[in-house]
Protein backbone atom coordinates (compact mmCIF):
# COMPACT_ATOMS: atom_id res chain seq x y z
CA MET A 1 -10.10 -21.20 -39.05
CA ASN A 2 -10.93 -24.80 -38.01
CA SER A 3 -13.08 -25.74 -35.12
CA LYS A 4 -10.16 -26.48 -32.72
CA THR A 5 -8.80 -23.04 -33.10
CA ARG A 6 -12.29 -21.52 -32.54
CA ILE A 7 -12.63 -23.49 -29.34
CA VAL A 8 -9.14 -22.51 -28.08
CA LEU A 9 -9.90 -18.80 -28.99
CA LEU A 10 -13.24 -19.02 -27.25
CA LEU A 11 -11.89 -20.53 -24.01
CA ALA A 12 -9.09 -17.75 -24.01
CA LEU A 13 -11.61 -14.99 -24.35
CA MET A 14 -13.68 -16.59 -21.42
CA LEU A 15 -10.57 -16.71 -19.31
CA LEU A 16 -9.69 -13.16 -19.98
CA ALA A 17 -13.14 -11.95 -19.19
CA ALA A 18 -13.18 -13.89 -15.88
CA VAL A 19 -9.90 -12.31 -14.78
CA PRO A 20 -11.25 -8.85 -13.60
CA GLY A 21 -13.88 -10.66 -11.48
CA VAL A 22 -11.19 -12.66 -9.71
CA HIS A 23 -9.15 -9.40 -8.80
CA ALA A 24 -12.36 -7.39 -7.88
CA ALA A 25 -12.99 -9.47 -4.66
CA VAL A 26 -9.47 -9.46 -3.09
CA CYS A 27 -10.29 -7.00 -0.22
CA SER A 28 -11.42 -8.21 3.22
CA ASN A 29 -10.15 -7.90 6.77
CA ALA A 30 -8.31 -11.21 6.35
CA THR A 31 -6.34 -9.88 3.42
CA ILE A 32 -5.16 -6.83 5.24
CA ALA A 33 -4.43 -8.54 8.60
CA GLY A 34 -0.88 -8.11 9.79
CA ARG A 35 1.59 -5.48 10.99
CA TRP A 36 1.68 -2.08 9.37
CA ALA A 37 3.83 1.13 9.59
CA PHE A 38 2.50 4.48 9.04
CA THR A 39 3.01 8.23 8.90
CA SER A 40 0.35 11.01 9.50
CA ASN A 41 0.74 14.73 8.57
CA GLY A 42 -1.58 17.70 8.52
CA MET A 43 -2.97 20.50 10.61
CA LEU A 44 -5.53 20.94 13.39
CA ILE A 45 -7.65 24.16 12.69
CA LEU A 46 -8.15 26.08 15.78
CA PRO A 47 -9.84 29.44 16.58
CA THR A 48 -6.31 30.88 17.23
CA GLY A 49 -4.90 29.45 14.06
CA SER A 50 -3.63 26.25 12.41
CA VAL A 51 -1.33 23.79 14.33
CA PRO A 52 0.83 21.34 12.42
CA VAL A 53 0.39 17.62 13.47
CA ALA A 54 2.72 14.77 12.38
CA GLY A 55 3.12 11.21 13.56
CA VAL A 56 4.89 7.82 12.87
CA GLY A 57 4.00 4.50 14.26
CA GLN A 58 2.95 0.92 13.98
CA PHE A 59 -0.35 -1.01 14.25
CA THR A 60 -1.60 -4.61 13.99
CA ILE A 61 -4.95 -5.43 12.41
CA ASP A 62 -6.37 -8.90 12.85
CA ALA A 63 -8.80 -10.81 10.50
CA SER A 64 -11.78 -9.38 12.23
CA GLY A 65 -10.73 -5.79 11.80
CA ASN A 66 -9.60 -5.09 15.32
CA ILE A 67 -6.67 -2.59 15.59
CA THR A 68 -4.01 -1.95 18.27
CA GLY A 69 -1.01 0.23 17.87
CA SER A 70 1.38 3.00 18.96
CA GLN A 71 2.71 6.22 17.62
CA THR A 72 5.01 8.96 18.39
CA ARG A 73 2.94 12.32 17.56
CA SER A 74 4.12 15.93 17.42
CA LEU A 75 1.34 18.55 17.93
CA GLY A 76 2.86 22.03 17.29
CA GLY A 77 6.33 20.69 18.28
CA GLN A 78 5.00 18.97 21.59
CA VAL A 79 5.89 15.23 21.26
CA ALA A 80 3.92 12.57 22.92
CA GLU A 81 3.99 8.77 22.97
CA GLU A 82 0.27 7.50 22.26
CA THR A 83 -1.35 3.98 22.06
CA PHE A 84 -4.51 3.34 20.21
CA THR A 85 -7.19 0.73 19.71
CA GLY A 86 -9.94 0.60 17.12
CA THR A 87 -12.01 -1.22 14.46
CA LEU A 88 -11.89 -1.30 10.69
CA PRO A 89 -14.89 -2.82 8.93
CA LEU A 90 -13.54 -3.22 5.36
CA ASN A 91 -15.71 -2.95 2.17
CA ASP A 92 -15.33 -5.12 -0.88
CA ASP A 93 -14.04 -2.08 -2.72
CA CYS A 94 -11.03 -1.99 -0.32
CA SER A 95 -12.23 1.09 1.55
CA GLY A 96 -13.37 1.35 5.15
CA GLU A 97 -14.21 3.77 7.98
CA GLU A 98 -11.68 3.27 10.79
CA ALA A 99 -12.83 4.33 14.32
CA VAL A 100 -9.80 4.72 16.74
CA GLN A 101 -9.52 5.62 20.45
CA VAL A 102 -6.15 7.29 21.24
CA TYR A 103 -4.56 7.25 24.77
CA ILE A 104 -1.62 8.77 26.53
CA ASN A 105 -0.76 6.82 29.62
CA ASP A 106 -3.91 4.81 29.36
CA VAL A 107 -6.06 8.15 29.37
CA LEU A 108 -8.28 8.71 26.40
CA VAL A 109 -7.25 11.88 24.65
CA ARG A 110 -9.23 11.65 21.47
CA THR A 111 -11.36 9.54 19.30
CA THR A 112 -10.75 9.67 15.56
CA THR A 113 -12.54 8.43 12.49
CA LEU A 114 -10.64 7.85 9.27
CA HIS A 115 -11.55 7.01 5.72
CA VAL A 116 -9.01 4.49 4.49
CA VAL A 117 -8.35 2.90 1.07
CA PHE A 118 -6.16 -0.13 0.71
CA ASP A 119 -4.17 -0.51 -2.62
CA ASP A 120 -1.26 -2.34 -4.10
CA ARG A 121 -2.62 -5.87 -3.28
CA SER A 122 -3.19 -4.95 0.17
CA ARG A 123 0.35 -3.72 0.74
CA SER A 124 -0.32 -0.16 1.30
CA ALA A 125 -3.20 2.28 2.45
CA ARG A 126 -4.07 5.92 2.36
CA GLY A 127 -6.39 7.71 4.77
CA ILE A 128 -7.88 11.00 5.78
CA PHE A 129 -9.29 11.94 9.14
CA THR A 130 -12.96 12.48 8.81
CA SER A 131 -13.45 13.55 12.49
CA LEU A 132 -11.45 14.16 15.51
CA VAL A 133 -13.20 14.43 18.95
CA LEU A 134 -11.95 15.19 22.29
CA PRO A 135 -13.12 13.37 25.50
CA ASN A 136 -15.33 16.28 26.34
CA GLU A 137 -17.01 15.87 22.96
CA THR A 138 -15.35 18.89 21.31
CA SER A 139 -14.84 18.31 17.71
CA LEU A 140 -11.64 19.78 16.29
CA PRO A 141 -11.56 20.62 12.47
CA ASN A 142 -8.50 19.23 10.77
CA VAL A 143 -6.73 18.29 7.53
CA ILE A 144 -4.74 15.19 8.39
CA THR A 145 -3.72 12.37 6.02
CA VAL A 146 -2.21 9.02 6.70
CA ASP A 147 0.15 6.79 4.58
CA ALA A 148 0.62 3.24 5.64
CA ARG A 149 2.65 0.26 4.39
CA ARG A 150 2.49 -3.40 5.40
CA LEU A 151 5.79 -4.27 7.33
CA PHE A 152 5.98 -7.68 5.86
CA PRO A 153 4.23 -7.77 2.43
CA ARG A 154 2.91 -10.94 1.08
CA ASN A 155 3.68 -11.87 -2.46
């Protein structure tokens, strides 16, 4: 093997070694900023039994991690239109803790915290509710998950 071949091989190996580092730092609030659509499904666990919950909606997140959105939600078959605002500080590993205040007709009905992970080059996300608290500070046990997709994916 001549010296030119060795140099080319060495450069190729260095380039391959650098590629994982380039892909590891792709998550930030700027990379997830945009319009998203989502579904949520699960159960509220009440003393009287479990109640099914489902929702579908859209939200916008800006480059600072501020969220605004709306959803149509069904709680045990009772449908309501809700709006929400919140924040999502995103970690380098594409995960974050989203804090959201949910309103019906401009009246706060609950505050929710979700653990969220973004994947597929920031084109989709999955989440799970980690807390759901009513305005009177009652915490409701739940098992609710969220699946979200960017409305207009970037290449």
